[in-house]
Amino acid sequence: MAEQRSKEGMQKKLEYIADYNKAAYDRVELKIVKGAKAQYKAVADAYGLSLTALFVTAVDEYIQRHQK
């Protein structure tokens, strides 16, 4: 019985997190050449970043450099 309540509680928590993420963030999907992910992940790890943080930082820096 306690296990069932635990599963229900976990399900509600996951639903809450999914709802929050949907409301708070935009989602972008990238398609990259097979094998490139490992290379990007190694770079991100070397700088202590997640892949998302690496890509966002790179795009932000690109925009800064190329703004007129």
PDB file of N, CA and C in Angstrom:
ATOM      1  N   MET A   1       0.815  -1.192   0.000  1.00  0.00           N
ATOM      2  CA  MET A   1       0.000   0.000   0.000  1.00  0.00           C
ATOM      3  C   MET A   1       0.863   1.262   0.000  1.00  0.00           C
ATOM      4  N   ALA A   2       1.887   1.280   0.840  1.00  0.00           N
ATOM      5  CA  ALA A   2       2.776   2.438   0.889  1.00  0.00           C
ATOM      6  C   ALA A   2       3.521   2.599  -0.424  1.00  0.00           C
ATOM      7  N   GLU A   3       3.863   1.463  -1.043  1.00  0.00           N
ATOM      8  CA  GLU A   3       4.560   1.514  -2.337  1.00  0.00           C
ATOM      9  C   GLU A   3       3.683   2.167  -3.402  1.00  0.00           C
ATOM     10  N   GLN A   4       2.390   1.869  -3.380  1.00  0.00           N
ATOM     11  CA  GLN A   4       1.448   2.453  -4.342  1.00  0.00           C
ATOM     12  C   GLN A   4       1.376   3.963  -4.151  1.00  0.00           C
ATOM     13  N   ARG A   5       1.309   4.417  -2.898  1.00  0.00           N
ATOM     14  CA  ARG A   5       1.263   5.862  -2.627  1.00  0.00           C
ATOM     15  C   ARG A   5       2.557   6.518  -3.081  1.00  0.00           C
ATOM     16  N   SER A   6       3.660   5.829  -2.885  1.00  0.00           N
ATOM     17  CA  SER A   6       4.950   6.360  -3.305  1.00  0.00           C
ATOM     18  C   SER A   6       4.998   6.533  -4.823  1.00  0.00           C
ATOM     19  N   LYS A   7       4.477   5.556  -5.550  1.00  0.00           N
ATOM     20  CA  LYS A   7       4.443   5.646  -7.014  1.00  0.00           C
ATOM     21  C   LYS A   7       3.530   6.770  -7.464  1.00  0.00           C
ATOM     22  N   GLU A   8       2.386   6.919  -6.797  1.00  0.00           N
ATOM     23  CA  GLU A   8       1.454   7.998  -7.138  1.00  0.00           C
ATOM     24  C   GLU A   8       2.087   9.356  -6.855  1.00  0.00           C
ATOM     25  N   GLY A   9       2.778   9.467  -5.738  1.00  0.00           N
ATOM     26  CA  GLY A   9       3.458  10.719  -5.391  1.00  0.00           C
ATOM     27  C   GLY A   9       4.545  11.056  -6.389  1.00  0.00           C
ATOM     28  N   MET A  10       5.292  10.043  -6.811  1.00  0.00           N
ATOM     29  CA  MET A  10       6.353  10.258  -7.795  1.00  0.00           C
ATOM     30  C   MET A  10       5.749  10.686  -9.132  1.00  0.00           C
ATOM     31  N   GLN A  11       4.646  10.062  -9.519  1.00  0.00           N
ATOM     32  CA  GLN A  11       3.981  10.415 -10.776  1.00  0.00           C
ATOM     33  C   GLN A  11       3.509  11.863 -10.739  1.00  0.00           C
ATOM     34  N   LYS A  12       2.938  12.293  -9.626  1.00  0.00           N
ATOM     35  CA  LYS A  12       2.480  13.681  -9.498  1.00  0.00           C
ATOM     36  C   LYS A  12       3.663  14.640  -9.563  1.00  0.00           C
ATOM     37  N   LYS A  13       4.763  14.265  -8.941  1.00  0.00           N
ATOM     38  CA  LYS A  13       5.958  15.110  -8.965  1.00  0.00           C
ATOM     39  C   LYS A  13       6.482  15.249 -10.393  1.00  0.00           C
ATOM     40  N   LEU A  14       6.539  14.140 -11.121  1.00  0.00           N
ATOM     41  CA  LEU A  14       7.010  14.175 -12.511  1.00  0.00           C
ATOM     42  C   LEU A  14       6.088  15.008 -13.384  1.00  0.00           C
ATOM     43  N   GLU A  15       4.780  14.907 -13.160  1.00  0.00           N
ATOM     44  CA  GLU A  15       3.818  15.715 -13.920  1.00  0.00           C
ATOM     45  C   GLU A  15       4.012  17.196 -13.618  1.00  0.00           C
ATOM     46  N   TYR A  16       4.236  17.530 -12.350  1.00  0.00           N
ATOM     47  CA  TYR A  16       4.475  18.914 -11.963  1.00  0.00           C
ATOM     48  C   TYR A  16       5.726  19.459 -12.660  1.00  0.00           C
ATOM     49  N   ILE A  17       6.784  18.679 -12.640  1.00  0.00           N
ATOM     50  CA  ILE A  17       8.038  19.104 -13.279  1.00  0.00           C
ATOM     51  C   ILE A  17       7.832  19.299 -14.782  1.00  0.00           C
ATOM     52  N   ALA A  18       7.135  18.375 -15.429  1.00  0.00           N
ATOM     53  CA  ALA A  18       6.876  18.486 -16.867  1.00  0.00           C
ATOM     54  C   ALA A  18       6.044  19.727 -17.167  1.00  0.00           C
ATOM     55  N   ASP A  19       5.034  19.991 -16.364  1.00  0.00           N
ATOM     56  CA  ASP A  19       4.197  21.182 -16.564  1.00  0.00           C
ATOM     57  C   ASP A  19       5.008  22.453 -16.380  1.00  0.00           C
ATOM     58  N   TYR A  20       5.852  22.478 -15.344  1.00  0.00           N
ATOM     59  CA  TYR A  20       6.697  23.647 -15.101  1.00  0.00           C
ATOM     60  C   TYR A  20       7.643  23.879 -16.275  1.00  0.00           C
ATOM     61  N   ASN A  21       8.313  22.831 -16.720  1.00  0.00           N
ATOM     62  CA  ASN A  21       9.254  22.961 -17.838  1.00  0.00           C
ATOM     63  C   ASN A  21       8.557  23.453 -19.097  1.00  0.00           C
ATOM     64  N   LYS A  22       7.356  22.962 -19.348  1.00  0.00           N
ATOM     65  CA  LYS A  22       6.595  23.379 -20.520  1.00  0.00           C
ATOM     66  C   LYS A  22       6.243  24.863 -20.457  1.00  0.00           C
ATOM     67  N   ALA A  23       5.929  25.345 -19.263  1.00  0.00           N
ATOM     68  CA  ALA A  23       5.553  26.750 -19.099  1.00  0.00           C
ATOM     69  C   ALA A  23       6.768  27.680 -19.075  1.00  0.00           C
ATOM     70  N   ALA A  24       7.889  27.206 -18.568  1.00  0.00           N
ATOM     71  CA  ALA A  24       9.031  28.080 -18.317  1.00  0.00           C
ATOM     72  C   ALA A  24      10.082  28.093 -19.425  1.00  0.00           C
ATOM     73  N   TYR A  25      10.104  27.073 -20.273  1.00  0.00           N
ATOM     74  CA  TYR A  25      11.176  26.947 -21.247  1.00  0.00           C
ATOM     75  C   TYR A  25      10.647  26.699 -22.651  1.00  0.00           C
ATOM     76  N   ASP A  26      11.374  27.209 -23.645  1.00  0.00           N
ATOM     77  CA  ASP A  26      11.150  26.819 -25.028  1.00  0.00           C
ATOM     78  C   ASP A  26      12.030  25.616 -25.296  1.00  0.00           C
ATOM     79  N   ARG A  27      11.605  24.787 -26.218  1.00  0.00           N
ATOM     80  CA  ARG A  27      12.361  23.578 -26.533  1.00  0.00           C
ATOM     81  C   ARG A  27      12.898  23.692 -27.953  1.00  0.00           C
ATOM     82  N   VAL A  28      14.176  23.358 -28.135  1.00  0.00           N
ATOM     83  CA  VAL A  28      14.829  23.372 -29.433  1.00  0.00           C
ATOM     84  C   VAL A  28      15.470  22.015 -29.642  1.00  0.00           C
ATOM     85  N   GLU A  29      15.228  21.417 -30.790  1.00  0.00           N
ATOM     86  CA  GLU A  29      15.824  20.117 -31.100  1.00  0.00           C
ATOM     87  C   GLU A  29      16.901  20.322 -32.160  1.00  0.00           C
ATOM     88  N   LEU A  30      18.056  19.734 -31.926  1.00  0.00           N
ATOM     89  CA  LEU A  30      19.158  19.805 -32.881  1.00  0.00           C
ATOM     90  C   LEU A  30      19.397  18.433 -33.487  1.00  0.00           C
ATOM     91  N   LYS A  31      19.657  18.418 -34.763  1.00  0.00           N
ATOM     92  CA  LYS A  31      20.077  17.188 -35.424  1.00  0.00           C
ATOM     93  C   LYS A  31      21.512  17.431 -35.881  1.00  0.00           C
ATOM     94  N   ILE A  32      22.405  16.573 -35.422  1.00  0.00           N
ATOM     95  CA  ILE A  32      23.819  16.720 -35.744  1.00  0.00           C
ATOM     96  C   ILE A  32      24.331  15.423 -36.349  1.00  0.00           C
ATOM     97  N   VAL A  33      25.458  15.511 -37.007  1.00  0.00           N
ATOM     98  CA  VAL A  33      26.071  14.347 -37.646  1.00  0.00           C
ATOM     99  C   VAL A  33      26.392  13.297 -36.584  1.00  0.00           C
ATOM    100  N   LYS A  34      26.140  12.054 -36.919  1.00  0.00           N
ATOM    101  CA  LYS A  34      26.422  10.938 -36.012  1.00  0.00           C
ATOM    102  C   LYS A  34      27.868  11.021 -35.537  1.00  0.00           C
ATOM    103  N   GLY A  35      28.062  10.914 -34.246  1.00  0.00           N
ATOM    104  CA  GLY A  35      29.403  10.947 -33.666  1.00  0.00           C
ATOM    105  C   GLY A  35      29.808  12.315 -33.146  1.00  0.00           C
ATOM    106  N   ALA A  36      29.148  13.378 -33.612  1.00  0.00           N
ATOM    107  CA  ALA A  36      29.513  14.727 -33.187  1.00  0.00           C
ATOM    108  C   ALA A  36      29.143  14.980 -31.733  1.00  0.00           C
ATOM    109  N   LYS A  37      28.113  14.317 -31.255  1.00  0.00           N
ATOM    110  CA  LYS A  37      27.671  14.537 -29.878  1.00  0.00           C
ATOM    111  C   LYS A  37      28.787  14.240 -28.887  1.00  0.00           C
ATOM    112  N   ALA A  38      29.519  13.180 -29.103  1.00  0.00           N
ATOM    113  CA  ALA A  38      30.616  12.817 -28.187  1.00  0.00           C
ATOM    114  C   ALA A  38      31.674  13.910 -28.166  1.00  0.00           C
ATOM    115  N   GLN A  39      31.965  14.472 -29.320  1.00  0.00           N
ATOM    116  CA  GLN A  39      32.954  15.557 -29.404  1.00  0.00           C
ATOM    117  C   GLN A  39      32.452  16.792 -28.656  1.00  0.00           C
ATOM    118  N   TYR A  40      31.201  17.177 -28.885  1.00  0.00           N
ATOM    119  CA  TYR A  40      30.624  18.337 -28.208  1.00  0.00           C
ATOM    120  C   TYR A  40      30.549  18.105 -26.702  1.00  0.00           C
ATOM    121  N   LYS A  41      30.190  16.895 -26.305  1.00  0.00           N
ATOM    122  CA  LYS A  41      30.092  16.565 -24.885  1.00  0.00           C
ATOM    123  C   LYS A  41      31.465  16.658 -24.218  1.00  0.00           C
ATOM    124  N   ALA A  42      32.502  16.221 -24.912  1.00  0.00           N
ATOM    125  CA  ALA A  42      33.863  16.308 -24.359  1.00  0.00           C
ATOM    126  C   ALA A  42      34.265  17.766 -24.143  1.00  0.00           C
ATOM    127  N   VAL A  43      33.926  18.623 -25.082  1.00  0.00           N
ATOM    128  CA  VAL A  43      34.231  20.059 -24.937  1.00  0.00           C
ATOM    129  C   VAL A  43      33.444  20.637 -23.766  1.00  0.00           C
ATOM    130  N   ALA A  44      32.155  20.322 -23.703  1.00  0.00           N
ATOM    131  CA  ALA A  44      31.318  20.813 -22.606  1.00  0.00           C
ATOM    132  C   ALA A  44      31.880  20.356 -21.257  1.00  0.00           C
ATOM    133  N   ASP A  45      32.235  19.094 -21.166  1.00  0.00           N
ATOM    134  CA  ASP A  45      32.798  18.553 -19.925  1.00  0.00           C
ATOM    135  C   ASP A  45      34.089  19.269 -19.540  1.00  0.00           C
ATOM    136  N   ALA A  46      34.920  19.565 -20.528  1.00  0.00           N
ATOM    137  CA  ALA A  46      36.201  20.228 -20.264  1.00  0.00           C
ATOM    138  C   ALA A  46      35.991  21.616 -19.646  1.00  0.00           C
ATOM    139  N   TYR A  47      34.874  22.257 -19.976  1.00  0.00           N
ATOM    140  CA  TYR A  47      34.570  23.581 -19.437  1.00  0.00           C
ATOM    141  C   TYR A  47      33.576  23.531 -18.285  1.00  0.00           C
ATOM    142  N   GLY A  48      33.210  22.325 -17.873  1.00  0.00           N
ATOM    143  CA  GLY A  48      32.275  22.186 -16.763  1.00  0.00           C
ATOM    144  C   GLY A  48      30.858  22.607 -17.114  1.00  0.00           C
ATOM    145  N   LEU A  49      30.469  22.423 -18.383  1.00  0.00           N
ATOM    146  CA  LEU A  49      29.153  22.829 -18.863  1.00  0.00           C
ATOM    147  C   LEU A  49      28.329  21.617 -19.285  1.00  0.00           C
ATOM    148  N   SER A  50      27.041  21.809 -19.328  1.00  0.00           N
ATOM    149  CA  SER A  50      26.169  20.819 -19.955  1.00  0.00           C
ATOM    150  C   SER A  50      26.189  21.092 -21.462  1.00  0.00           C
ATOM    151  N   LEU A  51      25.689  20.153 -22.239  1.00  0.00           N
ATOM    152  CA  LEU A  51      25.592  20.394 -23.683  1.00  0.00           C
ATOM    153  C   LEU A  51      24.708  21.599 -23.970  1.00  0.00           C
ATOM    154  N   THR A  52      23.610  21.705 -23.259  1.00  0.00           N
ATOM    155  CA  THR A  52      22.713  22.848 -23.448  1.00  0.00           C
ATOM    156  C   THR A  52      23.441  24.155 -23.165  1.00  0.00           C
ATOM    157  N   ALA A  53      24.153  24.222 -22.048  1.00  0.00           N
ATOM    158  CA  ALA A  53      24.887  25.448 -21.703  1.00  0.00           C
ATOM    159  C   ALA A  53      25.947  25.765 -22.745  1.00  0.00           C
ATOM    160  N   LEU A  54      26.616  24.750 -23.270  1.00  0.00           N
ATOM    161  CA  LEU A  54      27.620  24.969 -24.313  1.00  0.00           C
ATOM    162  C   LEU A  54      26.982  25.579 -25.557  1.00  0.00           C
ATOM    163  N   PHE A  55      25.871  25.005 -26.012  1.00  0.00           N
ATOM    164  CA  PHE A  55      25.212  25.506 -27.218  1.00  0.00           C
ATOM    165  C   PHE A  55      24.644  26.913 -27.014  1.00  0.00           C
ATOM    166  N   VAL A  56      24.023  27.156 -25.871  1.00  0.00           N
ATOM    167  CA  VAL A  56      23.456  28.483 -25.606  1.00  0.00           C
ATOM    168  C   VAL A  56      24.566  29.521 -25.540  1.00  0.00           C
ATOM    169  N   THR A  57      25.661  29.196 -24.880  1.00  0.00           N
ATOM    170  CA  THR A  57      26.801  30.114 -24.794  1.00  0.00           C
ATOM    171  C   THR A  57      27.357  30.401 -26.180  1.00  0.00           C
ATOM    172  N   ALA A  58      27.525  29.372 -26.994  1.00  0.00           N
ATOM    173  CA  ALA A  58      28.059  29.553 -28.347  1.00  0.00           C
ATOM    174  C   ALA A  58      27.148  30.439 -29.187  1.00  0.00           C
ATOM    175  N   VAL A  59      25.857  30.215 -29.115  1.00  0.00           N
ATOM    176  CA  VAL A  59      24.911  31.028 -29.896  1.00  0.00           C
ATOM    177  C   VAL A  59      24.901  32.467 -29.392  1.00  0.00           C
ATOM    178  N   ASP A  60      24.882  32.647 -28.071  1.00  0.00           N
ATOM    179  CA  ASP A  60      24.908  34.002 -27.515  1.00  0.00           C
ATOM    180  C   ASP A  60      26.159  34.759 -27.947  1.00  0.00           C
ATOM    181  N   GLU A  61      27.317  34.094 -27.903  1.00  0.00           N
ATOM    182  CA  GLU A  61      28.565  34.736 -28.326  1.00  0.00           C
ATOM    183  C   GLU A  61      28.535  35.050 -29.822  1.00  0.00           C
ATOM    184  N   TYR A  62      28.001  34.152 -30.622  1.00  0.00           N
ATOM    185  CA  TYR A  62      27.877  34.392 -32.062  1.00  0.00           C
ATOM    186  C   TYR A  62      27.011  35.623 -32.321  1.00  0.00           C
ATOM    187  N   ILE A  63      25.903  35.720 -31.633  1.00  0.00           N
ATOM    188  CA  ILE A  63      25.000  36.869 -31.818  1.00  0.00           C
ATOM    189  C   ILE A  63      25.707  38.153 -31.419  1.00  0.00           C
ATOM    190  N   GLN A  64      26.408  38.153 -30.295  1.00  0.00           N
ATOM    191  CA  GLN A  64      27.131  39.352 -29.850  1.00  0.00           C
ATOM    192  C   GLN A  64      28.146  39.809 -30.883  1.00  0.00           C
ATOM    193  N   ARG A  65      28.879  38.883 -31.454  1.00  0.00           N
ATOM    194  CA  ARG A  65      29.923  39.225 -32.421  1.00  0.00           C
ATOM    195  C   ARG A  65      29.365  39.738 -33.731  1.00  0.00           C
ATOM    196  N   HIS A  66      28.175  39.274 -34.099  1.00  0.00           N
ATOM    197  CA  HIS A  66      27.644  39.584 -35.420  1.00  0.00           C
ATOM    198  C   HIS A  66      26.507  40.600 -35.420  1.00  0.00           C
ATOM    199  N   GLN A  67      26.241  41.206 -34.283  1.00  0.00           N
ATOM    200  CA  GLN A  67      25.209  42.236 -34.260  1.00  0.00           C
ATOM    201  C   GLN A  67      25.746  43.494 -34.935  1.00  0.00           C
ATOM    202  N   LYS A  68      24.868  44.141 -35.635  1.00  0.00           N
ATOM    203  CA  LYS A  68      25.294  45.371 -36.329  1.00  0.00           C
ATOM    204  C   LYS A  68      25.018  46.590 -35.501  1.00  0.00           C
TER     205      LYS A  68
END
